[in-house]
Amino acid sequence: YRQTPGKQRELVAIITNGGSTDYGDSVKGRFTISRDNAKNTVH
């Protein structure tokens, strides 16, 4: 998520344990989210 002081927090991207993703409208087509469950890491 991203947030500028004084503004609402905004969804950027999320990814479920099964790999399903969702993106904020403003970043679709430009950002890609991924995760490595073995390392408990998200990129």
PDB file of all heavy atoms in Angstrom:
ATOM      1  N   TYR A   1       0.850  -1.173   0.000  1.00  0.00           N
ATOM      2  CA  TYR A   1       0.000   0.000   0.000  1.00  0.00           C
ATOM      3  C   TYR A   1       0.894   1.232   0.000  1.00  0.00           C
ATOM      4  O   TYR A   1       2.059   1.160   0.383  1.00  0.00           O
ATOM      5  CB  TYR A   1      -0.924   0.012   1.221  1.00  0.00           C
ATOM      6  CG  TYR A   1      -1.938  -1.103   1.239  1.00  0.00           C
ATOM      7  CD1 TYR A   1      -1.568  -2.405   1.554  1.00  0.00           C
ATOM      8  CD2 TYR A   1      -3.280  -0.858   0.939  1.00  0.00           C
ATOM      9  CE1 TYR A   1      -2.492  -3.434   1.562  1.00  0.00           C
ATOM     10  CE2 TYR A   1      -4.214  -1.878   0.948  1.00  0.00           C
ATOM     11  CZ  TYR A   1      -3.814  -3.167   1.263  1.00  0.00           C
ATOM     12  OH  TYR A   1      -4.747  -4.181   1.274  1.00  0.00           O
ATOM     13  N   ARG A   2       0.338   2.350  -0.418  1.00  0.00           N
ATOM     14  CA  ARG A   2       1.113   3.581  -0.387  1.00  0.00           C
ATOM     15  C   ARG A   2       0.277   4.696   0.212  1.00  0.00           C
ATOM     16  O   ARG A   2      -0.944   4.707   0.113  1.00  0.00           O
ATOM     17  CB  ARG A   2       1.609   3.968  -1.783  1.00  0.00           C
ATOM     18  CG  ARG A   2       0.522   4.257  -2.807  1.00  0.00           C
ATOM     19  CD  ARG A   2       1.133   4.370  -4.195  1.00  0.00           C
ATOM     20  NE  ARG A   2       0.164   4.752  -5.206  1.00  0.00           N
ATOM     21  CZ  ARG A   2       0.414   4.783  -6.510  1.00  0.00           C
ATOM     22  NH1 ARG A   2       1.629   4.457  -6.965  1.00  0.00           N
ATOM     23  NH2 ARG A   2      -0.536   5.147  -7.358  1.00  0.00           N
ATOM     24  N   GLN A   3       0.967   5.649   0.832  1.00  0.00           N
ATOM     25  CA  GLN A   3       0.267   6.718   1.518  1.00  0.00           C
ATOM     26  C   GLN A   3       1.143   7.951   1.623  1.00  0.00           C
ATOM     27  O   GLN A   3       2.280   7.877   2.084  1.00  0.00           O
ATOM     28  CB  GLN A   3      -0.163   6.274   2.918  1.00  0.00           C
ATOM     29  CG  GLN A   3      -1.006   7.290   3.657  1.00  0.00           C
ATOM     30  CD  GLN A   3      -1.520   6.749   4.966  1.00  0.00           C
ATOM     31  OE1 GLN A   3      -0.905   5.881   5.580  1.00  0.00           O
ATOM     32  NE2 GLN A   3      -2.659   7.251   5.398  1.00  0.00           N
ATOM     33  N   THR A   4       0.601   9.055   1.176  1.00  0.00           N
ATOM     34  CA  THR A   4       1.208  10.362   1.376  1.00  0.00           C
ATOM     35  C   THR A   4       0.610  10.969   2.633  1.00  0.00           C
ATOM     36  O   THR A   4      -0.601  10.860   2.859  1.00  0.00           O
ATOM     37  CB  THR A   4       0.946  11.275   0.168  1.00  0.00           C
ATOM     38  OG1 THR A   4       1.539  10.700  -0.995  1.00  0.00           O
ATOM     39  CG2 THR A   4       1.517  12.668   0.396  1.00  0.00           C
ATOM     40  N   PRO A   5       1.420  11.616   3.471  1.00  0.00           N
ATOM     41  CA  PRO A   5       0.862  12.231   4.680  1.00  0.00           C
ATOM     42  C   PRO A   5      -0.334  13.120   4.373  1.00  0.00           C
ATOM     43  O   PRO A   5      -0.294  13.946   3.456  1.00  0.00           O
ATOM     44  CB  PRO A   5       2.039  13.038   5.229  1.00  0.00           C
ATOM     45  CG  PRO A   5       3.238  12.274   4.779  1.00  0.00           C
ATOM     46  CD  PRO A   5       2.877  11.760   3.404  1.00  0.00           C
ATOM     47  N   GLY A   6      -1.405  12.935   5.134  1.00  0.00           N
ATOM     48  CA  GLY A   6      -2.615  13.702   4.935  1.00  0.00           C
ATOM     49  C   GLY A   6      -3.580  13.120   3.924  1.00  0.00           C
ATOM     50  O   GLY A   6      -4.667  13.669   3.727  1.00  0.00           O
ATOM     51  N   LYS A   7      -3.201  12.025   3.282  1.00  0.00           N
ATOM     52  CA  LYS A   7      -4.061  11.392   2.302  1.00  0.00           C
ATOM     53  C   LYS A   7      -4.410   9.970   2.732  1.00  0.00           C
ATOM     54  O   LYS A   7      -3.821   9.413   3.659  1.00  0.00           O
ATOM     55  CB  LYS A   7      -3.387  11.368   0.929  1.00  0.00           C
ATOM     56  CG  LYS A   7      -3.106  12.745   0.349  1.00  0.00           C
ATOM     57  CD  LYS A   7      -2.509  12.645  -1.042  1.00  0.00           C
ATOM     58  CE  LYS A   7      -2.257  14.022  -1.627  1.00  0.00           C
ATOM     59  NZ  LYS A   7      -1.668  13.923  -2.993  1.00  0.00           N
ATOM     60  N   GLN A   8      -5.370   9.383   2.039  1.00  0.00           N
ATOM     61  CA  GLN A   8      -5.813   8.032   2.349  1.00  0.00           C
ATOM     62  C   GLN A   8      -4.790   7.004   1.887  1.00  0.00           C
ATOM     63  O   GLN A   8      -4.120   7.192   0.866  1.00  0.00           O
ATOM     64  CB  GLN A   8      -7.162   7.751   1.694  1.00  0.00           C
ATOM     65  CG  GLN A   8      -8.299   8.617   2.201  1.00  0.00           C
ATOM     66  CD  GLN A   8      -8.632   8.323   3.641  1.00  0.00           C
ATOM     67  OE1 GLN A   8      -8.715   7.158   4.045  1.00  0.00           O
ATOM     68  NE2 GLN A   8      -8.816   9.376   4.429  1.00  0.00           N
ATOM     69  N   ARG A   9      -4.694   5.930   2.637  1.00  0.00           N
ATOM     70  CA  ARG A   9      -3.859   4.826   2.220  1.00  0.00           C
ATOM     71  C   ARG A   9      -4.488   4.152   1.000  1.00  0.00           C
ATOM     72  O   ARG A   9      -5.691   3.901   0.957  1.00  0.00           O
ATOM     73  CB  ARG A   9      -3.686   3.830   3.363  1.00  0.00           C
ATOM     74  CG  ARG A   9      -2.711   2.704   3.082  1.00  0.00           C
ATOM     75  CD  ARG A   9      -2.432   1.906   4.337  1.00  0.00           C
ATOM     76  NE  ARG A   9      -1.790   2.729   5.360  1.00  0.00           N
ATOM     77  CZ  ARG A   9      -1.514   2.313   6.590  1.00  0.00           C
ATOM     78  NH1 ARG A   9      -1.823   1.078   6.955  1.00  0.00           N
ATOM     79  NH2 ARG A   9      -0.934   3.131   7.452  1.00  0.00           N
ATOM     80  N   GLU A  10      -3.666   3.818   0.028  1.00  0.00           N
ATOM     81  CA  GLU A  10      -4.126   3.321  -1.254  1.00  0.00           C
ATOM     82  C   GLU A  10      -3.552   1.944  -1.544  1.00  0.00           C
ATOM     83  O   GLU A  10      -2.360   1.705  -1.368  1.00  0.00           O
ATOM     84  CB  GLU A  10      -3.716   4.299  -2.365  1.00  0.00           C
ATOM     85  CG  GLU A  10      -4.071   3.858  -3.768  1.00  0.00           C
ATOM     86  CD  GLU A  10      -3.502   4.774  -4.827  1.00  0.00           C
ATOM     87  OE1 GLU A  10      -2.624   5.608  -4.484  1.00  0.00           O
ATOM     88  OE2 GLU A  10      -3.931   4.680  -5.993  1.00  0.00           O
ATOM     89  N   LEU A  11      -4.409   1.056  -2.006  1.00  0.00           N
ATOM     90  CA  LEU A  11      -3.953  -0.265  -2.429  1.00  0.00           C
ATOM     91  C   LEU A  11      -3.061  -0.139  -3.656  1.00  0.00           C
ATOM     92  O   LEU A  11      -3.412   0.517  -4.634  1.00  0.00           O
ATOM     93  CB  LEU A  11      -5.143  -1.164  -2.755  1.00  0.00           C
ATOM     94  CG  LEU A  11      -4.822  -2.471  -3.485  1.00  0.00           C
ATOM     95  CD1 LEU A  11      -4.079  -3.427  -2.568  1.00  0.00           C
ATOM     96  CD2 LEU A  11      -6.092  -3.122  -4.026  1.00  0.00           C
ATOM     97  N   VAL A  12      -1.912  -0.788  -3.611  1.00  0.00           N
ATOM     98  CA  VAL A  12      -1.043  -0.908  -4.769  1.00  0.00           C
ATOM     99  C   VAL A  12      -1.199  -2.297  -5.383  1.00  0.00           C
ATOM    100  O   VAL A  12      -1.552  -2.436  -6.554  1.00  0.00           O
ATOM    101  CB  VAL A  12       0.425  -0.641  -4.409  1.00  0.00           C
ATOM    102  CG1 VAL A  12       1.314  -0.827  -5.637  1.00  0.00           C
ATOM    103  CG2 VAL A  12       0.586   0.760  -3.836  1.00  0.00           C
ATOM    104  N   ALA A  13      -0.941  -3.321  -4.596  1.00  0.00           N
ATOM    105  CA  ALA A  13      -1.051  -4.690  -5.081  1.00  0.00           C
ATOM    106  C   ALA A  13      -1.104  -5.641  -3.903  1.00  0.00           C
ATOM    107  O   ALA A  13      -0.498  -5.390  -2.862  1.00  0.00           O
ATOM    108  CB  ALA A  13       0.131  -5.050  -5.988  1.00  0.00           C
ATOM    109  N   ILE A  14      -1.829  -6.735  -4.063  1.00  0.00           N
ATOM    110  CA  ILE A  14      -1.863  -7.793  -3.073  1.00  0.00           C
ATOM    111  C   ILE A  14      -1.728  -9.140  -3.767  1.00  0.00           C
ATOM    112  O   ILE A  14      -2.057  -9.280  -4.948  1.00  0.00           O
ATOM    113  CB  ILE A  14      -3.151  -7.777  -2.216  1.00  0.00           C
ATOM    114  CG1 ILE A  14      -4.396  -7.856  -3.109  1.00  0.00           C
ATOM    115  CG2 ILE A  14      -3.183  -6.548  -1.333  1.00  0.00           C
ATOM    116  CD1 ILE A  14      -5.684  -8.004  -2.319  1.00  0.00           C
ATOM    117  N   ILE A  15      -1.260 -10.116  -3.021  1.00  0.00           N
ATOM    118  CA  ILE A  15      -1.128 -11.470  -3.542  1.00  0.00           C
ATOM    119  C   ILE A  15      -1.463 -12.450  -2.435  1.00  0.00           C
ATOM    120  O   ILE A  15      -0.972 -12.342  -1.314  1.00  0.00           O
ATOM    121  CB  ILE A  15       0.286 -11.706  -4.118  1.00  0.00           C
ATOM    122  CG1 ILE A  15       0.393 -13.110  -4.729  1.00  0.00           C
ATOM    123  CG2 ILE A  15       1.367 -11.465  -3.070  1.00  0.00           C
ATOM    124  CD1 ILE A  15       1.647 -13.289  -5.581  1.00  0.00           C
ATOM    125  N   THR A  16      -2.319 -13.406  -2.739  1.00  0.00           N
ATOM    126  CA  THR A  16      -2.728 -14.400  -1.761  1.00  0.00           C
ATOM    127  C   THR A  16      -1.693 -15.506  -1.663  1.00  0.00           C
ATOM    128  O   THR A  16      -0.751 -15.588  -2.455  1.00  0.00           O
ATOM    129  CB  THR A  16      -4.085 -15.008  -2.119  1.00  0.00           C
ATOM    130  OG1 THR A  16      -3.954 -15.818  -3.303  1.00  0.00           O
ATOM    131  CG2 THR A  16      -5.128 -13.927  -2.361  1.00  0.00           C
ATOM    132  N   ASN A  17      -1.891 -16.376  -0.683  1.00  0.00           N
ATOM    133  CA  ASN A  17      -0.990 -17.501  -0.519  1.00  0.00           C
ATOM    134  C   ASN A  17      -0.970 -18.393  -1.756  1.00  0.00           C
ATOM    135  O   ASN A  17       0.052 -19.000  -2.074  1.00  0.00           O
ATOM    136  CB  ASN A  17      -1.389 -18.319   0.706  1.00  0.00           C
ATOM    137  CG  ASN A  17      -0.296 -19.276   1.143  1.00  0.00           C
ATOM    138  OD1 ASN A  17       0.716 -18.856   1.701  1.00  0.00           O
ATOM    139  ND2 ASN A  17      -0.501 -20.564   0.884  1.00  0.00           N
ATOM    140  N   GLY A  18      -2.109 -18.469  -2.448  1.00  0.00           N
ATOM    141  CA  GLY A  18      -2.207 -19.282  -3.642  1.00  0.00           C
ATOM    142  C   GLY A  18      -1.745 -18.602  -4.910  1.00  0.00           C
ATOM    143  O   GLY A  18      -1.777 -19.220  -5.980  1.00  0.00           O
ATOM    144  N   GLY A  19      -1.350 -17.338  -4.819  1.00  0.00           N
ATOM    145  CA  GLY A  19      -0.817 -16.644  -5.969  1.00  0.00           C
ATOM    146  C   GLY A  19      -1.788 -15.757  -6.715  1.00  0.00           C
ATOM    147  O   GLY A  19      -1.417 -15.162  -7.736  1.00  0.00           O
ATOM    148  N   SER A  20      -3.013 -15.653  -6.236  1.00  0.00           N
ATOM    149  CA  SER A  20      -3.972 -14.748  -6.855  1.00  0.00           C
ATOM    150  C   SER A  20      -3.595 -13.304  -6.552  1.00  0.00           C
ATOM    151  O   SER A  20      -3.232 -12.979  -5.419  1.00  0.00           O
ATOM    152  CB  SER A  20      -5.382 -15.046  -6.354  1.00  0.00           C
ATOM    153  OG  SER A  20      -6.323 -14.171  -6.930  1.00  0.00           O
ATOM    154  N   THR A  21      -3.681 -12.432  -7.552  1.00  0.00           N
ATOM    155  CA  THR A  21      -3.241 -11.049  -7.401  1.00  0.00           C
ATOM    156  C   THR A  21      -4.365 -10.064  -7.678  1.00  0.00           C
ATOM    157  O   THR A  21      -5.330 -10.358  -8.377  1.00  0.00           O
ATOM    158  CB  THR A  21      -2.067 -10.742  -8.335  1.00  0.00           C
ATOM    159  OG1 THR A  21      -2.468 -10.951  -9.697  1.00  0.00           O
ATOM    160  CG2 THR A  21      -0.882 -11.646  -8.026  1.00  0.00           C
ATOM    161  N   ASP A  22      -4.193  -8.881  -7.125  1.00  0.00           N
ATOM    162  CA  ASP A  22      -5.087  -7.769  -7.397  1.00  0.00           C
ATOM    163  C   ASP A  22      -4.256  -6.501  -7.354  1.00  0.00           C
ATOM    164  O   ASP A  22      -3.324  -6.391  -6.552  1.00  0.00           O
ATOM    165  CB  ASP A  22      -6.222  -7.718  -6.378  1.00  0.00           C
ATOM    166  CG  ASP A  22      -7.348  -6.785  -6.798  1.00  0.00           C
ATOM    167  OD1 ASP A  22      -7.456  -6.480  -7.999  1.00  0.00           O
ATOM    168  OD2 ASP A  22      -8.137  -6.375  -5.922  1.00  0.00           O
ATOM    169  N   TYR A  23      -4.603  -5.549  -8.224  1.00  0.00           N
ATOM    170  CA  TYR A  23      -3.841  -4.317  -8.334  1.00  0.00           C
ATOM    171  C   TYR A  23      -4.750  -3.113  -8.277  1.00  0.00           C
ATOM    172  O   TYR A  23      -5.904  -3.151  -8.705  1.00  0.00           O
ATOM    173  CB  TYR A  23      -3.067  -4.278  -9.651  1.00  0.00           C
ATOM    174  CG  TYR A  23      -2.009  -5.342  -9.787  1.00  0.00           C
ATOM    175  CD1 TYR A  23      -2.308  -6.577 -10.339  1.00  0.00           C
ATOM    176  CD2 TYR A  23      -0.703  -5.106  -9.363  1.00  0.00           C
ATOM    177  CE1 TYR A  23      -1.334  -7.554 -10.464  1.00  0.00           C
ATOM    178  CE2 TYR A  23       0.269  -6.075  -9.485  1.00  0.00           C
ATOM    179  CZ  TYR A  23      -0.045  -7.299 -10.036  1.00  0.00           C
ATOM    180  OH  TYR A  23       0.922  -8.265 -10.157  1.00  0.00           O
ATOM    181  N   GLY A  24      -4.207  -2.039  -7.754  1.00  0.00           N
ATOM    182  CA  GLY A  24      -4.905  -0.783  -7.854  1.00  0.00           C
ATOM    183  C   GLY A  24      -5.001  -0.339  -9.300  1.00  0.00           C
ATOM    184  O   GLY A  24      -4.117  -0.616 -10.112  1.00  0.00           O
ATOM    185  N   ASP A  25      -6.088   0.351  -9.627  1.00  0.00           N
ATOM    186  CA  ASP A  25      -6.315   0.738 -11.014  1.00  0.00           C
ATOM    187  C   ASP A  25      -5.169   1.567 -11.589  1.00  0.00           C
ATOM    188  O   ASP A  25      -4.846   1.450 -12.776  1.00  0.00           O
ATOM    189  CB  ASP A  25      -7.622   1.521 -11.133  1.00  0.00           C
ATOM    190  CG  ASP A  25      -8.850   0.656 -10.933  1.00  0.00           C
ATOM    191  OD1 ASP A  25      -8.737  -0.576 -11.084  1.00  0.00           O
ATOM    192  OD2 ASP A  25      -9.919   1.204 -10.634  1.00  0.00           O
ATOM    193  N   SER A  26      -4.569   2.394 -10.779  1.00  0.00           N
ATOM    194  CA  SER A  26      -3.546   3.303 -11.271  1.00  0.00           C
ATOM    195  C   SER A  26      -2.225   2.622 -11.602  1.00  0.00           C
ATOM    196  O   SER A  26      -1.375   3.227 -12.262  1.00  0.00           O
ATOM    197  CB  SER A  26      -3.294   4.422 -10.251  1.00  0.00           C
ATOM    198  OG  SER A  26      -2.781   3.903  -9.044  1.00  0.00           O
ATOM    199  N   VAL A  27      -2.049   1.370 -11.172  1.00  0.00           N
ATOM    200  CA  VAL A  27      -0.776   0.689 -11.407  1.00  0.00           C
ATOM    201  C   VAL A  27      -0.913  -0.536 -12.297  1.00  0.00           C
ATOM    202  O   VAL A  27       0.101  -1.158 -12.635  1.00  0.00           O
ATOM    203  CB  VAL A  27      -0.093   0.289 -10.080  1.00  0.00           C
ATOM    204  CG1 VAL A  27       0.025   1.484  -9.153  1.00  0.00           C
ATOM    205  CG2 VAL A  27      -0.839  -0.855  -9.400  1.00  0.00           C
ATOM    206  N   LYS A  28      -2.116  -0.885 -12.680  1.00  0.00           N
ATOM    207  CA  LYS A  28      -2.324  -2.058 -13.522  1.00  0.00           C
ATOM    208  C   LYS A  28      -1.549  -1.933 -14.829  1.00  0.00           C
ATOM    209  O   LYS A  28      -1.564  -0.896 -15.487  1.00  0.00           O
ATOM    210  CB  LYS A  28      -3.811  -2.249 -13.812  1.00  0.00           C
ATOM    211  CG  LYS A  28      -4.611  -2.713 -12.614  1.00  0.00           C
ATOM    212  CD  LYS A  28      -6.084  -2.884 -12.966  1.00  0.00           C
ATOM    213  CE  LYS A  28      -6.883  -3.371 -11.767  1.00  0.00           C
ATOM    214  NZ  LYS A  28      -8.321  -3.487 -12.057  1.00  0.00           N
ATOM    215  N   GLY A  29      -0.874  -3.007 -15.174  1.00  0.00           N
ATOM    216  CA  GLY A  29      -0.078  -3.020 -16.387  1.00  0.00           C
ATOM    217  C   GLY A  29       1.328  -2.506 -16.213  1.00  0.00           C
ATOM    218  O   GLY A  29       2.150  -2.649 -17.127  1.00  0.00           O
ATOM    219  N   ARG A  30       1.620  -1.919 -15.062  1.00  0.00           N
ATOM    220  CA  ARG A  30       2.948  -1.358 -14.821  1.00  0.00           C
ATOM    221  C   ARG A  30       3.678  -2.042 -13.668  1.00  0.00           C
ATOM    222  O   ARG A  30       4.905  -2.132 -13.687  1.00  0.00           O
ATOM    223  CB  ARG A  30       2.857   0.141 -14.527  1.00  0.00           C
ATOM    224  CG  ARG A  30       2.256   0.953 -15.667  1.00  0.00           C
ATOM    225  CD  ARG A  30       2.343   2.451 -15.397  1.00  0.00           C
ATOM    226  NE  ARG A  30       1.589   2.844 -14.211  1.00  0.00           N
ATOM    227  CZ  ARG A  30       2.124   3.414 -13.139  1.00  0.00           C
ATOM    228  NH1 ARG A  30       3.426   3.677 -13.097  1.00  0.00           N
ATOM    229  NH2 ARG A  30       1.355   3.748 -12.111  1.00  0.00           N
ATOM    230  N   PHE A  31       2.931  -2.506 -12.673  1.00  0.00           N
ATOM    231  CA  PHE A  31       3.525  -3.136 -11.492  1.00  0.00           C
ATOM    232  C   PHE A  31       3.210  -4.621 -11.484  1.00  0.00           C
ATOM    233  O   PHE A  31       2.140  -5.050 -11.941  1.00  0.00           O
ATOM    234  CB  PHE A  31       2.979  -2.519 -10.206  1.00  0.00           C
ATOM    235  CG  PHE A  31       3.384  -1.091  -9.956  1.00  0.00           C
ATOM    236  CD1 PHE A  31       4.063  -0.344 -10.904  1.00  0.00           C
ATOM    237  CD2 PHE A  31       3.070  -0.495  -8.740  1.00  0.00           C
ATOM    238  CE1 PHE A  31       4.422   0.966 -10.670  1.00  0.00           C
ATOM    239  CE2 PHE A  31       3.427   0.818  -8.485  1.00  0.00           C
ATOM    240  CZ  PHE A  31       4.104   1.557  -9.448  1.00  0.00           C
ATOM    241  N   THR A  32       4.111  -5.411 -10.921  1.00  0.00           N
ATOM    242  CA  THR A  32       3.910  -6.839 -10.771  1.00  0.00           C
ATOM    243  C   THR A  32       4.313  -7.264  -9.367  1.00  0.00           C
ATOM    244  O   THR A  32       5.420  -6.962  -8.922  1.00  0.00           O
ATOM    245  CB  THR A  32       4.728  -7.635 -11.797  1.00  0.00           C
ATOM    246  OG1 THR A  32       4.362  -7.249 -13.125  1.00  0.00           O
ATOM    247  CG2 THR A  32       4.468  -9.135 -11.636  1.00  0.00           C
ATOM    248  N   ILE A  33       3.414  -7.960  -8.689  1.00  0.00           N
ATOM    249  CA  ILE A  33       3.694  -8.444  -7.351  1.00  0.00           C
ATOM    250  C   ILE A  33       3.965  -9.944  -7.396  1.00  0.00           C
ATOM    251  O   ILE A  33       3.363 -10.671  -8.194  1.00  0.00           O
ATOM    252  CB  ILE A  33       2.533  -8.123  -6.382  1.00  0.00           C
ATOM    253  CG1 ILE A  33       2.932  -8.420  -4.933  1.00  0.00           C
ATOM    254  CG2 ILE A  33       1.265  -8.869  -6.771  1.00  0.00           C
ATOM    255  CD1 ILE A  33       1.934  -7.897  -3.910  1.00  0.00           C
ATOM    256  N   SER A  34       4.874 -10.402  -6.557  1.00  0.00           N
ATOM    257  CA  SER A  34       5.194 -11.815  -6.465  1.00  0.00           C
ATOM    258  C   SER A  34       5.596 -12.139  -5.035  1.00  0.00           C
ATOM    259  O   SER A  34       5.879 -11.241  -4.238  1.00  0.00           O
ATOM    260  CB  SER A  34       6.316 -12.199  -7.443  1.00  0.00           C
ATOM    261  OG  SER A  34       7.507 -11.482  -7.153  1.00  0.00           O
ATOM    262  N   ARG A  35       5.628 -13.423  -4.707  1.00  0.00           N
ATOM    263  CA  ARG A  35       6.002 -13.817  -3.353  1.00  0.00           C
ATOM    264  C   ARG A  35       6.779 -15.122  -3.376  1.00  0.00           C
ATOM    265  O   ARG A  35       6.628 -15.945  -4.279  1.00  0.00           O
ATOM    266  CB  ARG A  35       4.775 -13.945  -2.446  1.00  0.00           C
ATOM    267  CG  ARG A  35       3.826 -15.077  -2.815  1.00  0.00           C
ATOM    268  CD  ARG A  35       2.531 -14.994  -2.013  1.00  0.00           C
ATOM    269  NE  ARG A  35       2.726 -15.331  -0.606  1.00  0.00           N
ATOM    270  CZ  ARG A  35       1.809 -15.140   0.343  1.00  0.00           C
ATOM    271  NH1 ARG A  35       0.647 -14.566   0.036  1.00  0.00           N
ATOM    272  NH2 ARG A  35       2.057 -15.492   1.596  1.00  0.00           N
ATOM    273  N   ASP A  36       7.587 -15.287  -2.355  1.00  0.00           N
ATOM    274  CA  ASP A  36       8.349 -16.500  -2.133  1.00  0.00           C
ATOM    275  C   ASP A  36       7.969 -16.984  -0.744  1.00  0.00           C
ATOM    276  O   ASP A  36       8.461 -16.463   0.258  1.00  0.00           O
ATOM    277  CB  ASP A  36       9.847 -16.238  -2.240  1.00  0.00           C
ATOM    278  CG  ASP A  36      10.681 -17.493  -2.101  1.00  0.00           C
ATOM    279  OD1 ASP A  36      10.186 -18.502  -1.573  1.00  0.00           O
ATOM    280  OD2 ASP A  36      11.851 -17.464  -2.529  1.00  0.00           O
ATOM    281  N   ASN A  37       7.086 -17.966  -0.684  1.00  0.00           N
ATOM    282  CA  ASN A  37       6.589 -18.426   0.601  1.00  0.00           C
ATOM    283  C   ASN A  37       7.676 -19.070   1.460  1.00  0.00           C
ATOM    284  O   ASN A  37       7.634 -18.979   2.686  1.00  0.00           O
ATOM    285  CB  ASN A  37       5.433 -19.409   0.399  1.00  0.00           C
ATOM    286  CG  ASN A  37       4.170 -18.732  -0.074  1.00  0.00           C
ATOM    287  OD1 ASN A  37       3.930 -17.558   0.217  1.00  0.00           O
ATOM    288  ND2 ASN A  37       3.338 -19.471  -0.800  1.00  0.00           N
ATOM    289  N   ALA A  38       8.630 -19.718   0.825  1.00  0.00           N
ATOM    290  CA  ALA A  38       9.705 -20.350   1.575  1.00  0.00           C
ATOM    291  C   ALA A  38      10.533 -19.322   2.334  1.00  0.00           C
ATOM    292  O   ALA A  38      11.085 -19.625   3.392  1.00  0.00           O
ATOM    293  CB  ALA A  38      10.594 -21.171   0.648  1.00  0.00           C
ATOM    294  N   LYS A  39      10.617 -18.120   1.788  1.00  0.00           N
ATOM    295  CA  LYS A  39      11.392 -17.059   2.413  1.00  0.00           C
ATOM    296  C   LYS A  39      10.522 -16.000   3.076  1.00  0.00           C
ATOM    297  O   LYS A  39      11.044 -15.011   3.598  1.00  0.00           O
ATOM    298  CB  LYS A  39      12.301 -16.396   1.384  1.00  0.00           C
ATOM    299  CG  LYS A  39      13.331 -17.331   0.773  1.00  0.00           C
ATOM    300  CD  LYS A  39      14.199 -16.605  -0.238  1.00  0.00           C
ATOM    301  CE  LYS A  39      15.242 -17.529  -0.830  1.00  0.00           C
ATOM    302  NZ  LYS A  39      16.091 -16.835  -1.836  1.00  0.00           N
ATOM    303  N   ASN A  40       9.205 -16.197   3.044  1.00  0.00           N
ATOM    304  CA  ASN A  40       8.268 -15.217   3.595  1.00  0.00           C
ATOM    305  C   ASN A  40       8.565 -13.815   3.071  1.00  0.00           C
ATOM    306  O   ASN A  40       8.640 -12.847   3.831  1.00  0.00           O
ATOM    307  CB  ASN A  40       8.296 -15.237   5.121  1.00  0.00           C
ATOM    308  CG  ASN A  40       7.743 -16.518   5.706  1.00  0.00           C
ATOM    309  OD1 ASN A  40       6.803 -17.104   5.166  1.00  0.00           O
ATOM    310  ND2 ASN A  40       8.305 -16.957   6.818  1.00  0.00           N
ATOM    311  N   THR A  41       8.708 -13.732   1.767  1.00  0.00           N
ATOM    312  CA  THR A  41       9.105 -12.492   1.130  1.00  0.00           C
ATOM    313  C   THR A  41       8.147 -12.141  -0.002  1.00  0.00           C
ATOM    314  O   THR A  41       7.699 -13.016  -0.744  1.00  0.00           O
ATOM    315  CB  THR A  41      10.538 -12.598   0.583  1.00  0.00           C
ATOM    316  OG1 THR A  41      11.437 -12.886   1.659  1.00  0.00           O
ATOM    317  CG2 THR A  41      10.968 -11.301  -0.082  1.00  0.00           C
ATOM    318  N   VAL A  42       7.848 -10.865  -0.130  1.00  0.00           N
ATOM    319  CA  VAL A  42       7.029 -10.367  -1.226  1.00  0.00           C
ATOM    320  C   VAL A  42       7.824  -9.302  -1.963  1.00  0.00           C
ATOM    321  O   VAL A  42       8.584  -8.537  -1.355  1.00  0.00           O
ATOM    322  CB  VAL A  42       5.678  -9.813  -0.722  1.00  0.00           C
ATOM    323  CG1 VAL A  42       5.881  -8.619   0.209  1.00  0.00           C
ATOM    324  CG2 VAL A  42       4.773  -9.447  -1.884  1.00  0.00           C
ATOM    325  N   HIS A  43       7.655  -9.270  -3.279  1.00  0.00           N
ATOM    326  CA  HIS A  43       8.350  -8.305  -4.125  1.00  0.00           C
ATOM    327  C   HIS A  43       7.344  -7.512  -4.942  1.00  0.00           C
ATOM    328  O   HIS A  43       6.273  -8.000  -5.289  1.00  0.00           O
ATOM    329  CB  HIS A  43       9.317  -9.007  -5.075  1.00  0.00           C
ATOM    330  CG  HIS A  43      10.306  -9.902  -4.395  1.00  0.00           C
ATOM    331  ND1 HIS A  43      11.423  -9.425  -3.750  1.00  0.00           N
ATOM    332  CD2 HIS A  43      10.338 -11.255  -4.256  1.00  0.00           C
ATOM    333  CE1 HIS A  43      12.105 -10.439  -3.243  1.00  0.00           C
ATOM    334  NE2 HIS A  43      11.474 -11.555  -3.536  1.00  0.00           N
TER     335      HIS A  43
END
